[in-house]
Amino acid sequence: MKRMLSLRDQRLKEKDRLKPKKKEKKDPSALKEREVPQHPSCLFFQYNTQLGPPYHVLVDTNFINFSIKAKLDLVQSMMDCLYAKCIPCITDCVMAEIEKLGQKYRVALRIAKDPRFERLPCTHKGTYADDCLVQRVTQHKCYIVATVDRDLKRRIRKIPGVPIMYISNHRYNIERMPDDYGAPRF
């Protein structure tokens, strides 16, 4: 049988001798406060006003690899998909991820170092590319995210106003793009 220490025991410190305070009961008639996340001003009924030609497309590692397997030219296929000028953007994290993949993915590395690609510097710690892309898209809603990764797509779908470009049937398709921008609907 366990024995309880009394509150006057010498082994207890002064702060432990105080009796525990009872929790205050919440008043059901009191107004409840809650924080509602502020939506950016660029969104108007899920319509992102920051998107427009020339489109800035954030490219993921696996998107480049699958484009090579499907024998698609990245910039040209993006323009065919969106009917407008596209600027593929690649972050330092994605570039580091491609470099880590080694000799097998040297073609992907050469494509990523193309001068038509815009390099975006990363200021955060770590090199996990998915977190980097989600963070960047959450801050600035002017990007289209190009990825084939299911988990990344699922995470980006939770962010309102961000279209996703993916590969299907040996061509690029786009999802969640407003109709007015001329992107094909499939």
N, C-alpha and C. Protein backbone atom coordinates (compact mmCIF):
# COMPACT_ATOMS: atom_id res chain seq x y z
N MET A 1 0.84 -1.19 0.00
CA MET A 1 0.00 0.00 0.00
C MET A 1 0.88 1.25 0.00
N LYS A 2 0.57 2.17 -0.88
CA LYS A 2 1.35 3.39 -0.97
C LYS A 2 0.92 4.37 0.09
N ARG A 3 1.88 5.11 0.61
CA ARG A 3 1.57 6.10 1.63
C ARG A 3 1.65 7.48 1.01
N MET A 4 0.79 8.34 1.42
CA MET A 4 0.77 9.72 0.95
C MET A 4 1.57 10.60 1.88
N LEU A 5 2.29 11.55 1.33
CA LEU A 5 3.00 12.53 2.15
C LEU A 5 2.01 13.57 2.64
N SER A 6 2.15 13.97 3.85
CA SER A 6 1.28 15.04 4.33
C SER A 6 1.83 16.38 3.82
N LEU A 7 0.99 17.37 3.76
CA LEU A 7 1.41 18.67 3.25
C LEU A 7 2.40 19.36 4.18
N ARG A 8 2.52 18.91 5.44
CA ARG A 8 3.46 19.52 6.38
C ARG A 8 4.79 18.78 6.44
N ASP A 9 4.98 17.80 5.59
CA ASP A 9 6.22 17.00 5.60
C ASP A 9 7.42 17.89 5.26
N GLN A 10 8.56 17.67 5.93
CA GLN A 10 9.75 18.50 5.74
C GLN A 10 10.39 18.27 4.37
N ARG A 11 10.15 17.13 3.78
CA ARG A 11 10.77 16.83 2.48
C ARG A 11 10.14 17.60 1.33
N LEU A 12 8.95 18.10 1.53
CA LEU A 12 8.29 18.88 0.48
C LEU A 12 8.83 20.29 0.43
N LYS A 13 8.94 20.81 -0.77
CA LYS A 13 9.38 22.19 -0.93
C LYS A 13 8.21 23.13 -0.71
N GLU A 14 8.53 24.41 -0.55
CA GLU A 14 7.50 25.39 -0.23
C GLU A 14 6.42 25.47 -1.31
N LYS A 15 6.84 25.40 -2.55
CA LYS A 15 5.86 25.54 -3.63
C LYS A 15 4.94 24.32 -3.72
N ASP A 16 5.43 23.16 -3.30
CA ASP A 16 4.63 21.94 -3.35
C ASP A 16 3.61 21.87 -2.21
N ARG A 17 3.84 22.68 -1.14
CA ARG A 17 2.95 22.63 0.01
C ARG A 17 1.62 23.34 -0.25
N LEU A 18 1.61 24.19 -1.24
CA LEU A 18 0.38 24.91 -1.54
C LEU A 18 -0.66 23.93 -2.07
N LYS A 19 -1.89 24.13 -1.67
CA LYS A 19 -2.95 23.26 -2.14
C LYS A 19 -3.27 23.59 -3.59
N PRO A 20 -3.58 22.57 -4.39
CA PRO A 20 -3.90 22.84 -5.81
C PRO A 20 -5.16 23.69 -5.93
N LYS A 21 -5.10 24.64 -6.86
CA LYS A 21 -6.23 25.53 -7.06
C LYS A 21 -7.31 24.81 -7.85
N LYS A 22 -8.53 25.10 -7.53
CA LYS A 22 -9.63 24.50 -8.26
C LYS A 22 -9.84 25.27 -9.57
N LYS A 23 -10.15 24.53 -10.60
CA LYS A 23 -10.41 25.17 -11.90
C LYS A 23 -11.74 25.90 -11.84
N GLU A 24 -11.73 27.09 -12.48
CA GLU A 24 -12.95 27.87 -12.51
C GLU A 24 -13.89 27.26 -13.53
N LYS A 25 -15.14 27.20 -13.16
CA LYS A 25 -16.13 26.69 -14.08
C LYS A 25 -16.46 27.78 -15.09
N LYS A 26 -16.57 27.36 -16.35
CA LYS A 26 -16.86 28.34 -17.40
C LYS A 26 -18.34 28.68 -17.38
N ASP A 27 -18.58 29.96 -17.59
CA ASP A 27 -19.95 30.45 -17.62
C ASP A 27 -20.54 30.15 -19.00
N PRO A 28 -21.61 29.36 -19.08
CA PRO A 28 -22.17 29.03 -20.39
C PRO A 28 -22.79 30.23 -21.10
N SER A 29 -23.16 31.27 -20.34
CA SER A 29 -23.78 32.44 -20.96
C SER A 29 -22.74 33.43 -21.50
N ALA A 30 -21.46 33.23 -21.14
CA ALA A 30 -20.41 34.15 -21.59
C ALA A 30 -20.15 33.97 -23.09
N LEU A 31 -19.74 35.04 -23.73
CA LEU A 31 -19.43 34.99 -25.16
C LEU A 31 -18.16 34.17 -25.38
N LYS A 32 -18.19 33.35 -26.37
CA LYS A 32 -17.03 32.52 -26.67
C LYS A 32 -16.19 33.22 -27.73
N GLU A 33 -14.89 33.31 -27.46
CA GLU A 33 -13.98 33.93 -28.41
C GLU A 33 -13.26 32.83 -29.17
N ARG A 34 -13.10 33.04 -30.44
CA ARG A 34 -12.33 32.09 -31.24
C ARG A 34 -11.60 32.86 -32.32
N GLU A 35 -10.52 32.28 -32.75
CA GLU A 35 -9.71 32.92 -33.77
C GLU A 35 -10.10 32.37 -35.12
N VAL A 36 -10.42 33.26 -36.03
CA VAL A 36 -10.73 32.88 -37.40
C VAL A 36 -9.54 33.27 -38.25
N PRO A 37 -8.97 32.34 -39.03
CA PRO A 37 -7.81 32.70 -39.84
C PRO A 37 -8.17 33.73 -40.90
N GLN A 38 -7.32 34.71 -41.04
CA GLN A 38 -7.54 35.75 -42.03
C GLN A 38 -7.20 35.22 -43.42
N HIS A 39 -8.10 35.39 -44.35
CA HIS A 39 -7.83 34.98 -45.72
C HIS A 39 -7.18 36.13 -46.47
N PRO A 40 -6.23 35.84 -47.34
CA PRO A 40 -5.56 36.92 -48.06
C PRO A 40 -6.51 37.67 -48.98
N SER A 41 -6.18 38.91 -49.23
CA SER A 41 -7.05 39.76 -50.03
C SER A 41 -7.06 39.37 -51.51
N CYS A 42 -6.08 38.54 -51.93
CA CYS A 42 -6.03 38.16 -53.34
C CYS A 42 -7.11 37.13 -53.69
N LEU A 43 -7.72 36.50 -52.67
CA LEU A 43 -8.76 35.50 -52.93
C LEU A 43 -10.14 36.15 -52.87
N PHE A 44 -10.91 35.90 -53.88
CA PHE A 44 -12.27 36.42 -53.94
C PHE A 44 -13.17 35.25 -54.31
N PHE A 45 -13.86 34.67 -53.33
CA PHE A 45 -14.68 33.47 -53.55
C PHE A 45 -13.88 32.36 -54.23
N GLN A 46 -12.74 32.01 -53.66
CA GLN A 46 -11.84 30.96 -54.17
C GLN A 46 -11.23 31.32 -55.53
N TYR A 47 -11.36 32.55 -55.96
CA TYR A 47 -10.82 33.00 -57.24
C TYR A 47 -9.57 33.79 -56.93
N ASN A 48 -8.43 33.28 -57.31
CA ASN A 48 -7.15 33.92 -56.98
C ASN A 48 -6.83 34.98 -58.01
N THR A 49 -6.83 36.24 -57.58
CA THR A 49 -6.59 37.34 -58.52
C THR A 49 -5.11 37.56 -58.80
N GLN A 50 -4.22 36.93 -58.03
CA GLN A 50 -2.79 37.10 -58.26
C GLN A 50 -2.29 36.21 -59.40
N LEU A 51 -3.07 35.23 -59.80
CA LEU A 51 -2.65 34.35 -60.89
C LEU A 51 -2.92 35.02 -62.22
N GLY A 52 -1.95 34.97 -63.08
CA GLY A 52 -2.12 35.52 -64.42
C GLY A 52 -0.84 35.38 -65.19
N PRO A 53 -0.94 35.45 -66.51
CA PRO A 53 0.28 35.27 -67.32
C PRO A 53 1.26 36.40 -67.06
N PRO A 54 2.55 36.17 -67.06
CA PRO A 54 3.24 34.88 -67.16
C PRO A 54 3.09 34.11 -65.85
N TYR A 55 2.77 32.83 -65.94
CA TYR A 55 2.55 32.00 -64.77
C TYR A 55 3.88 31.57 -64.16
N HIS A 56 3.97 31.63 -62.85
CA HIS A 56 5.13 31.13 -62.13
C HIS A 56 4.77 29.75 -61.59
N VAL A 57 5.49 28.74 -62.06
CA VAL A 57 5.17 27.36 -61.70
C VAL A 57 6.28 26.81 -60.81
N LEU A 58 5.93 26.47 -59.56
CA LEU A 58 6.88 25.84 -58.63
C LEU A 58 7.00 24.36 -58.98
N VAL A 59 8.20 23.93 -59.32
CA VAL A 59 8.41 22.56 -59.79
C VAL A 59 8.96 21.71 -58.66
N ASP A 60 8.42 20.50 -58.53
CA ASP A 60 8.87 19.53 -57.53
C ASP A 60 9.83 18.55 -58.19
N THR A 61 10.61 17.84 -57.38
CA THR A 61 11.61 16.89 -57.87
C THR A 61 10.99 15.80 -58.72
N ASN A 62 9.93 15.18 -58.20
CA ASN A 62 9.35 14.06 -58.93
C ASN A 62 8.65 14.51 -60.21
N PHE A 63 8.24 15.77 -60.30
CA PHE A 63 7.63 16.28 -61.52
C PHE A 63 8.66 16.29 -62.65
N ILE A 64 9.89 16.68 -62.33
CA ILE A 64 10.95 16.68 -63.34
C ILE A 64 11.25 15.25 -63.77
N ASN A 65 11.35 14.33 -62.80
CA ASN A 65 11.65 12.93 -63.13
C ASN A 65 10.57 12.30 -63.99
N PHE A 66 9.30 12.54 -63.66
CA PHE A 66 8.21 11.97 -64.45
C PHE A 66 8.11 12.62 -65.82
N SER A 67 8.49 13.90 -65.92
CA SER A 67 8.50 14.56 -67.23
C SER A 67 9.54 13.93 -68.14
N ILE A 68 10.69 13.57 -67.56
CA ILE A 68 11.74 12.91 -68.35
C ILE A 68 11.25 11.53 -68.81
N LYS A 69 10.58 10.80 -67.90
CA LYS A 69 10.08 9.47 -68.27
C LYS A 69 9.01 9.55 -69.36
N ALA A 70 8.18 10.61 -69.31
CA ALA A 70 7.12 10.78 -70.31
C ALA A 70 7.64 11.49 -71.56
N LYS A 71 8.94 11.84 -71.57
CA LYS A 71 9.59 12.52 -72.70
C LYS A 71 8.90 13.84 -73.04
N LEU A 72 8.68 14.65 -72.01
CA LEU A 72 8.05 15.96 -72.18
C LEU A 72 9.05 17.07 -71.90
N ASP A 73 9.08 18.08 -72.76
CA ASP A 73 9.88 19.27 -72.50
C ASP A 73 9.11 20.12 -71.50
N LEU A 74 9.71 20.43 -70.36
CA LEU A 74 9.00 21.09 -69.28
C LEU A 74 8.37 22.42 -69.69
N VAL A 75 9.16 23.34 -70.20
CA VAL A 75 8.66 24.69 -70.48
C VAL A 75 7.62 24.66 -71.59
N GLN A 76 7.90 23.94 -72.67
CA GLN A 76 6.98 23.88 -73.80
C GLN A 76 5.66 23.21 -73.41
N SER A 77 5.73 22.13 -72.65
CA SER A 77 4.50 21.43 -72.23
C SER A 77 3.67 22.28 -71.28
N MET A 78 4.33 23.07 -70.43
CA MET A 78 3.59 23.98 -69.54
C MET A 78 2.85 25.03 -70.36
N MET A 79 3.52 25.56 -71.37
CA MET A 79 2.87 26.56 -72.23
C MET A 79 1.70 25.95 -73.00
N ASP A 80 1.85 24.69 -73.43
CA ASP A 80 0.75 24.02 -74.13
C ASP A 80 -0.43 23.80 -73.20
N CYS A 81 -0.16 23.54 -71.94
CA CYS A 81 -1.22 23.30 -70.97
C CYS A 81 -1.97 24.58 -70.62
N LEU A 82 -1.24 25.67 -70.41
CA LEU A 82 -1.85 26.91 -69.91
C LEU A 82 -2.15 27.95 -70.99
N TYR A 83 -1.69 27.70 -72.22
CA TYR A 83 -1.89 28.65 -73.33
C TYR A 83 -1.33 30.02 -73.00
N ALA A 84 -0.20 30.07 -72.30
CA ALA A 84 0.42 31.35 -71.94
C ALA A 84 1.88 31.10 -71.57
N LYS A 85 2.63 32.19 -71.42
CA LYS A 85 4.05 32.08 -71.03
C LYS A 85 4.13 31.55 -69.61
N CYS A 86 5.06 30.62 -69.38
CA CYS A 86 5.27 30.03 -68.06
C CYS A 86 6.72 30.18 -67.65
N ILE A 87 6.93 30.51 -66.40
CA ILE A 87 8.27 30.60 -65.85
C ILE A 87 8.39 29.51 -64.78
N PRO A 88 9.08 28.40 -65.09
CA PRO A 88 9.25 27.38 -64.05
C PRO A 88 10.21 27.88 -62.97
N CYS A 89 9.82 27.73 -61.71
CA CYS A 89 10.63 28.18 -60.57
C CYS A 89 11.07 26.95 -59.79
N ILE A 90 12.31 26.99 -59.33
CA ILE A 90 12.83 25.87 -58.56
C ILE A 90 13.51 26.42 -57.31
N THR A 91 13.15 25.87 -56.16
CA THR A 91 13.71 26.36 -54.90
C THR A 91 15.04 25.66 -54.62
N ASP A 92 15.79 26.23 -53.69
CA ASP A 92 17.08 25.63 -53.31
C ASP A 92 16.89 24.24 -52.72
N CYS A 93 15.78 24.03 -52.01
CA CYS A 93 15.52 22.72 -51.40
C CYS A 93 15.31 21.65 -52.46
N VAL A 94 14.55 21.98 -53.50
CA VAL A 94 14.30 21.02 -54.58
C VAL A 94 15.60 20.72 -55.30
N MET A 95 16.40 21.76 -55.52
CA MET A 95 17.69 21.57 -56.20
C MET A 95 18.60 20.67 -55.35
N ALA A 96 18.61 20.88 -54.05
CA ALA A 96 19.42 20.04 -53.16
C ALA A 96 18.93 18.60 -53.17
N GLU A 97 17.62 18.43 -53.25
CA GLU A 97 17.05 17.08 -53.29
C GLU A 97 17.47 16.34 -54.56
N ILE A 98 17.48 17.05 -55.69
CA ILE A 98 17.91 16.44 -56.95
C ILE A 98 19.40 16.09 -56.90
N GLU A 99 20.19 16.99 -56.31
CA GLU A 99 21.63 16.73 -56.21
C GLU A 99 21.91 15.52 -55.30
N LYS A 100 21.10 15.34 -54.26
CA LYS A 100 21.27 14.21 -53.35
C LYS A 100 20.96 12.88 -54.02
N LEU A 101 20.10 12.91 -55.04
CA LEU A 101 19.70 11.66 -55.71
C LEU A 101 20.86 11.01 -56.47
N GLY A 102 21.87 11.81 -56.79
CA GLY A 102 23.09 11.23 -57.34
C GLY A 102 23.13 11.09 -58.85
N GLN A 103 24.01 10.22 -59.30
CA GLN A 103 24.35 10.07 -60.72
C GLN A 103 23.15 9.61 -61.56
N LYS A 104 22.26 8.85 -60.97
CA LYS A 104 21.13 8.30 -61.72
C LYS A 104 20.21 9.41 -62.25
N TYR A 105 20.16 10.53 -61.54
CA TYR A 105 19.26 11.62 -61.91
C TYR A 105 20.03 12.84 -62.46
N ARG A 106 21.12 12.60 -63.16
CA ARG A 106 21.93 13.70 -63.68
C ARG A 106 21.19 14.47 -64.77
N VAL A 107 20.30 13.81 -65.53
CA VAL A 107 19.52 14.50 -66.56
C VAL A 107 18.55 15.47 -65.91
N ALA A 108 17.93 15.05 -64.81
CA ALA A 108 17.02 15.93 -64.08
C ALA A 108 17.77 17.14 -63.53
N LEU A 109 18.99 16.91 -63.07
CA LEU A 109 19.80 18.02 -62.55
C LEU A 109 20.16 19.00 -63.65
N ARG A 110 20.47 18.47 -64.82
CA ARG A 110 20.81 19.35 -65.95
C ARG A 110 19.59 20.17 -66.37
N ILE A 111 18.42 19.55 -66.35
CA ILE A 111 17.18 20.28 -66.69
C ILE A 111 16.91 21.36 -65.64
N ALA A 112 17.13 21.03 -64.37
CA ALA A 112 16.86 21.98 -63.28
C ALA A 112 17.80 23.19 -63.34
N LYS A 113 18.99 22.99 -63.91
CA LYS A 113 19.94 24.10 -64.01
C LYS A 113 19.78 24.91 -65.30
N ASP A 114 18.72 24.63 -66.05
CA ASP A 114 18.42 25.36 -67.28
C ASP A 114 18.27 26.85 -66.97
N PRO A 115 18.80 27.74 -67.80
CA PRO A 115 18.68 29.18 -67.51
C PRO A 115 17.24 29.70 -67.60
N ARG A 116 16.35 28.96 -68.25
CA ARG A 116 14.94 29.40 -68.31
C ARG A 116 14.25 29.22 -66.95
N PHE A 117 14.82 28.39 -66.07
CA PHE A 117 14.26 28.18 -64.74
C PHE A 117 14.67 29.32 -63.82
N GLU A 118 13.74 29.79 -63.03
CA GLU A 118 14.04 30.84 -62.05
C GLU A 118 14.39 30.18 -60.73
N ARG A 119 15.51 30.55 -60.15
CA ARG A 119 15.94 29.98 -58.85
C ARG A 119 15.37 30.82 -57.72
N LEU A 120 14.77 30.17 -56.75
CA LEU A 120 14.22 30.85 -55.58
C LEU A 120 15.04 30.47 -54.35
N PRO A 121 15.68 31.43 -53.70
CA PRO A 121 16.50 31.10 -52.52
C PRO A 121 15.62 30.77 -51.32
N CYS A 122 16.10 29.83 -50.50
CA CYS A 122 15.40 29.43 -49.27
C CYS A 122 16.15 29.99 -48.07
N THR A 123 15.40 30.50 -47.09
CA THR A 123 16.04 31.06 -45.89
C THR A 123 15.83 30.18 -44.67
N HIS A 124 14.99 29.16 -44.78
CA HIS A 124 14.67 28.31 -43.63
C HIS A 124 15.72 27.23 -43.43
N LYS A 125 15.63 26.56 -42.27
CA LYS A 125 16.54 25.45 -41.97
C LYS A 125 15.98 24.17 -42.58
N GLY A 126 16.87 23.24 -42.88
CA GLY A 126 16.43 21.96 -43.41
C GLY A 126 16.25 22.00 -44.92
N THR A 127 16.20 20.85 -45.53
CA THR A 127 16.08 20.80 -46.99
C THR A 127 14.94 19.88 -47.42
N TYR A 128 13.89 19.76 -46.62
CA TYR A 128 12.76 18.93 -47.03
C TYR A 128 11.91 19.75 -48.00
N ALA A 129 11.90 19.35 -49.25
CA ALA A 129 11.33 20.16 -50.32
C ALA A 129 9.82 20.34 -50.19
N ASP A 130 9.09 19.31 -49.74
CA ASP A 130 7.64 19.43 -49.66
C ASP A 130 7.22 20.53 -48.68
N ASP A 131 7.87 20.55 -47.51
CA ASP A 131 7.57 21.60 -46.53
C ASP A 131 7.89 22.98 -47.09
N CYS A 132 8.99 23.07 -47.80
CA CYS A 132 9.42 24.34 -48.39
C CYS A 132 8.38 24.85 -49.38
N LEU A 133 7.89 23.96 -50.27
CA LEU A 133 6.91 24.35 -51.27
C LEU A 133 5.59 24.77 -50.62
N VAL A 134 5.14 24.00 -49.64
CA VAL A 134 3.88 24.33 -48.96
C VAL A 134 3.99 25.66 -48.24
N GLN A 135 5.12 25.90 -47.60
CA GLN A 135 5.33 27.16 -46.88
C GLN A 135 5.34 28.34 -47.85
N ARG A 136 6.03 28.20 -48.95
CA ARG A 136 6.13 29.29 -49.93
C ARG A 136 4.78 29.60 -50.55
N VAL A 137 4.00 28.55 -50.86
CA VAL A 137 2.69 28.74 -51.48
C VAL A 137 1.70 29.34 -50.49
N THR A 138 1.84 29.00 -49.21
CA THR A 138 0.97 29.58 -48.19
C THR A 138 1.24 31.07 -48.04
N GLN A 139 2.50 31.47 -48.12
CA GLN A 139 2.85 32.88 -47.97
C GLN A 139 2.48 33.69 -49.20
N HIS A 140 2.81 33.17 -50.39
CA HIS A 140 2.57 33.89 -51.64
C HIS A 140 1.71 33.02 -52.53
N LYS A 141 0.51 33.49 -52.83
CA LYS A 141 -0.43 32.69 -53.60
C LYS A 141 -0.32 32.95 -55.11
N CYS A 142 0.84 33.38 -55.57
CA CYS A 142 1.01 33.69 -56.99
C CYS A 142 1.61 32.52 -57.77
N TYR A 143 1.73 31.35 -57.16
CA TYR A 143 2.38 30.20 -57.80
C TYR A 143 1.37 29.11 -58.15
N ILE A 144 1.72 28.35 -59.20
CA ILE A 144 1.07 27.09 -59.50
C ILE A 144 2.08 26.03 -59.07
N VAL A 145 1.64 24.97 -58.41
CA VAL A 145 2.56 23.94 -57.95
C VAL A 145 2.50 22.75 -58.91
N ALA A 146 3.65 22.37 -59.45
CA ALA A 146 3.74 21.22 -60.36
C ALA A 146 4.31 20.04 -59.59
N THR A 147 3.48 19.01 -59.38
CA THR A 147 3.93 17.84 -58.64
C THR A 147 3.13 16.61 -59.05
N VAL A 148 3.72 15.44 -58.80
CA VAL A 148 3.03 14.17 -59.04
C VAL A 148 2.82 13.47 -57.70
N ASP A 149 3.43 13.98 -56.64
CA ASP A 149 3.40 13.38 -55.32
C ASP A 149 2.01 13.51 -54.70
N ARG A 150 1.40 12.37 -54.33
CA ARG A 150 0.04 12.38 -53.78
C ARG A 150 -0.05 13.13 -52.46
N ASP A 151 0.92 12.92 -51.59
CA ASP A 151 0.89 13.57 -50.27
C ASP A 151 1.00 15.08 -50.40
N LEU A 152 1.88 15.53 -51.28
CA LEU A 152 2.03 16.97 -51.49
C LEU A 152 0.77 17.56 -52.10
N LYS A 153 0.16 16.85 -53.04
CA LYS A 153 -1.10 17.32 -53.63
C LYS A 153 -2.16 17.47 -52.56
N ARG A 154 -2.25 16.48 -51.67
CA ARG A 154 -3.25 16.51 -50.60
C ARG A 154 -3.02 17.72 -49.69
N ARG A 155 -1.76 18.01 -49.40
CA ARG A 155 -1.45 19.16 -48.54
C ARG A 155 -1.78 20.48 -49.23
N ILE A 156 -1.54 20.55 -50.54
CA ILE A 156 -1.76 21.81 -51.26
C ILE A 156 -3.24 22.05 -51.50
N ARG A 157 -4.02 20.98 -51.63
CA ARG A 157 -5.47 21.15 -51.82
C ARG A 157 -6.12 21.83 -50.63
N LYS A 158 -5.49 21.73 -49.46
CA LYS A 158 -6.03 22.38 -48.26
C LYS A 158 -5.80 23.89 -48.28
N ILE A 159 -4.91 24.36 -49.14
CA ILE A 159 -4.62 25.80 -49.24
C ILE A 159 -5.50 26.37 -50.34
N PRO A 160 -6.38 27.31 -50.02
CA PRO A 160 -7.29 27.83 -51.04
C PRO A 160 -6.57 28.67 -52.09
N GLY A 161 -7.02 28.54 -53.33
CA GLY A 161 -6.53 29.39 -54.42
C GLY A 161 -5.22 28.99 -55.04
N VAL A 162 -4.73 27.77 -54.79
CA VAL A 162 -3.45 27.35 -55.37
C VAL A 162 -3.70 26.19 -56.35
N PRO A 163 -3.53 26.42 -57.65
CA PRO A 163 -3.72 25.35 -58.62
C PRO A 163 -2.57 24.34 -58.59
N ILE A 164 -2.86 23.11 -59.03
CA ILE A 164 -1.88 22.03 -59.04
C ILE A 164 -1.73 21.53 -60.47
N MET A 165 -0.49 21.45 -60.94
CA MET A 165 -0.22 20.89 -62.26
C MET A 165 0.31 19.48 -62.06
N TYR A 166 -0.16 18.55 -62.88
CA TYR A 166 0.27 17.16 -62.75
C TYR A 166 0.36 16.53 -64.14
N ILE A 167 0.88 15.31 -64.21
CA ILE A 167 1.06 14.62 -65.48
C ILE A 167 0.06 13.46 -65.56
N SER A 168 -0.66 13.39 -66.68
CA SER A 168 -1.52 12.24 -66.94
C SER A 168 -1.63 12.08 -68.46
N ASN A 169 -1.61 10.84 -68.91
CA ASN A 169 -1.70 10.52 -70.35
C ASN A 169 -0.63 11.23 -71.18
N HIS A 170 0.59 11.28 -70.67
CA HIS A 170 1.73 11.87 -71.37
C HIS A 170 1.51 13.34 -71.73
N ARG A 171 0.81 14.06 -70.88
CA ARG A 171 0.66 15.51 -71.04
C ARG A 171 0.39 16.14 -69.68
N TYR A 172 0.57 17.44 -69.61
CA TYR A 172 0.34 18.16 -68.36
C TYR A 172 -1.13 18.55 -68.26
N ASN A 173 -1.69 18.42 -67.07
CA ASN A 173 -3.05 18.88 -66.78
C ASN A 173 -2.98 19.77 -65.56
N ILE A 174 -4.01 20.55 -65.38
CA ILE A 174 -4.04 21.45 -64.23
C ILE A 174 -5.37 21.32 -63.52
N GLU A 175 -5.32 21.40 -62.21
CA GLU A 175 -6.54 21.26 -61.42
C GLU A 175 -6.70 22.50 -60.56
N ARG A 176 -7.94 22.90 -60.34
CA ARG A 176 -8.30 24.06 -59.52
C ARG A 176 -7.85 25.37 -60.13
N MET A 177 -7.89 25.47 -61.44
CA MET A 177 -7.54 26.72 -62.11
C MET A 177 -8.84 27.41 -62.51
N PRO A 178 -9.00 28.71 -62.24
CA PRO A 178 -10.24 29.40 -62.63
C PRO A 178 -10.46 29.34 -64.14
N ASP A 179 -11.72 29.26 -64.55
CA ASP A 179 -12.07 29.12 -65.97
C ASP A 179 -11.61 30.31 -66.82
N ASP A 180 -11.61 31.49 -66.25
CA ASP A 180 -11.32 32.69 -67.03
C ASP A 180 -9.90 32.75 -67.54
N TYR A 181 -9.00 31.96 -66.97
CA TYR A 181 -7.62 32.04 -67.39
C TYR A 181 -7.33 31.19 -68.63
N GLY A 182 -8.31 30.52 -69.18
CA GLY A 182 -8.11 29.80 -70.43
C GLY A 182 -7.46 28.44 -70.28
N ALA A 183 -7.25 27.98 -69.09
CA ALA A 183 -6.64 26.66 -68.92
C ALA A 183 -7.67 25.59 -69.25
N PRO A 184 -7.25 24.53 -69.91
CA PRO A 184 -8.22 23.49 -70.29
C PRO A 184 -8.75 22.73 -69.07
N ARG A 185 -10.00 22.35 -69.12
CA ARG A 185 -10.62 21.57 -68.05
C ARG A 185 -10.72 20.12 -68.49
N PHE A 186 -10.24 19.22 -67.64
CA PHE A 186 -10.32 17.79 -67.96
C PHE A 186 -11.03 17.06 -66.87
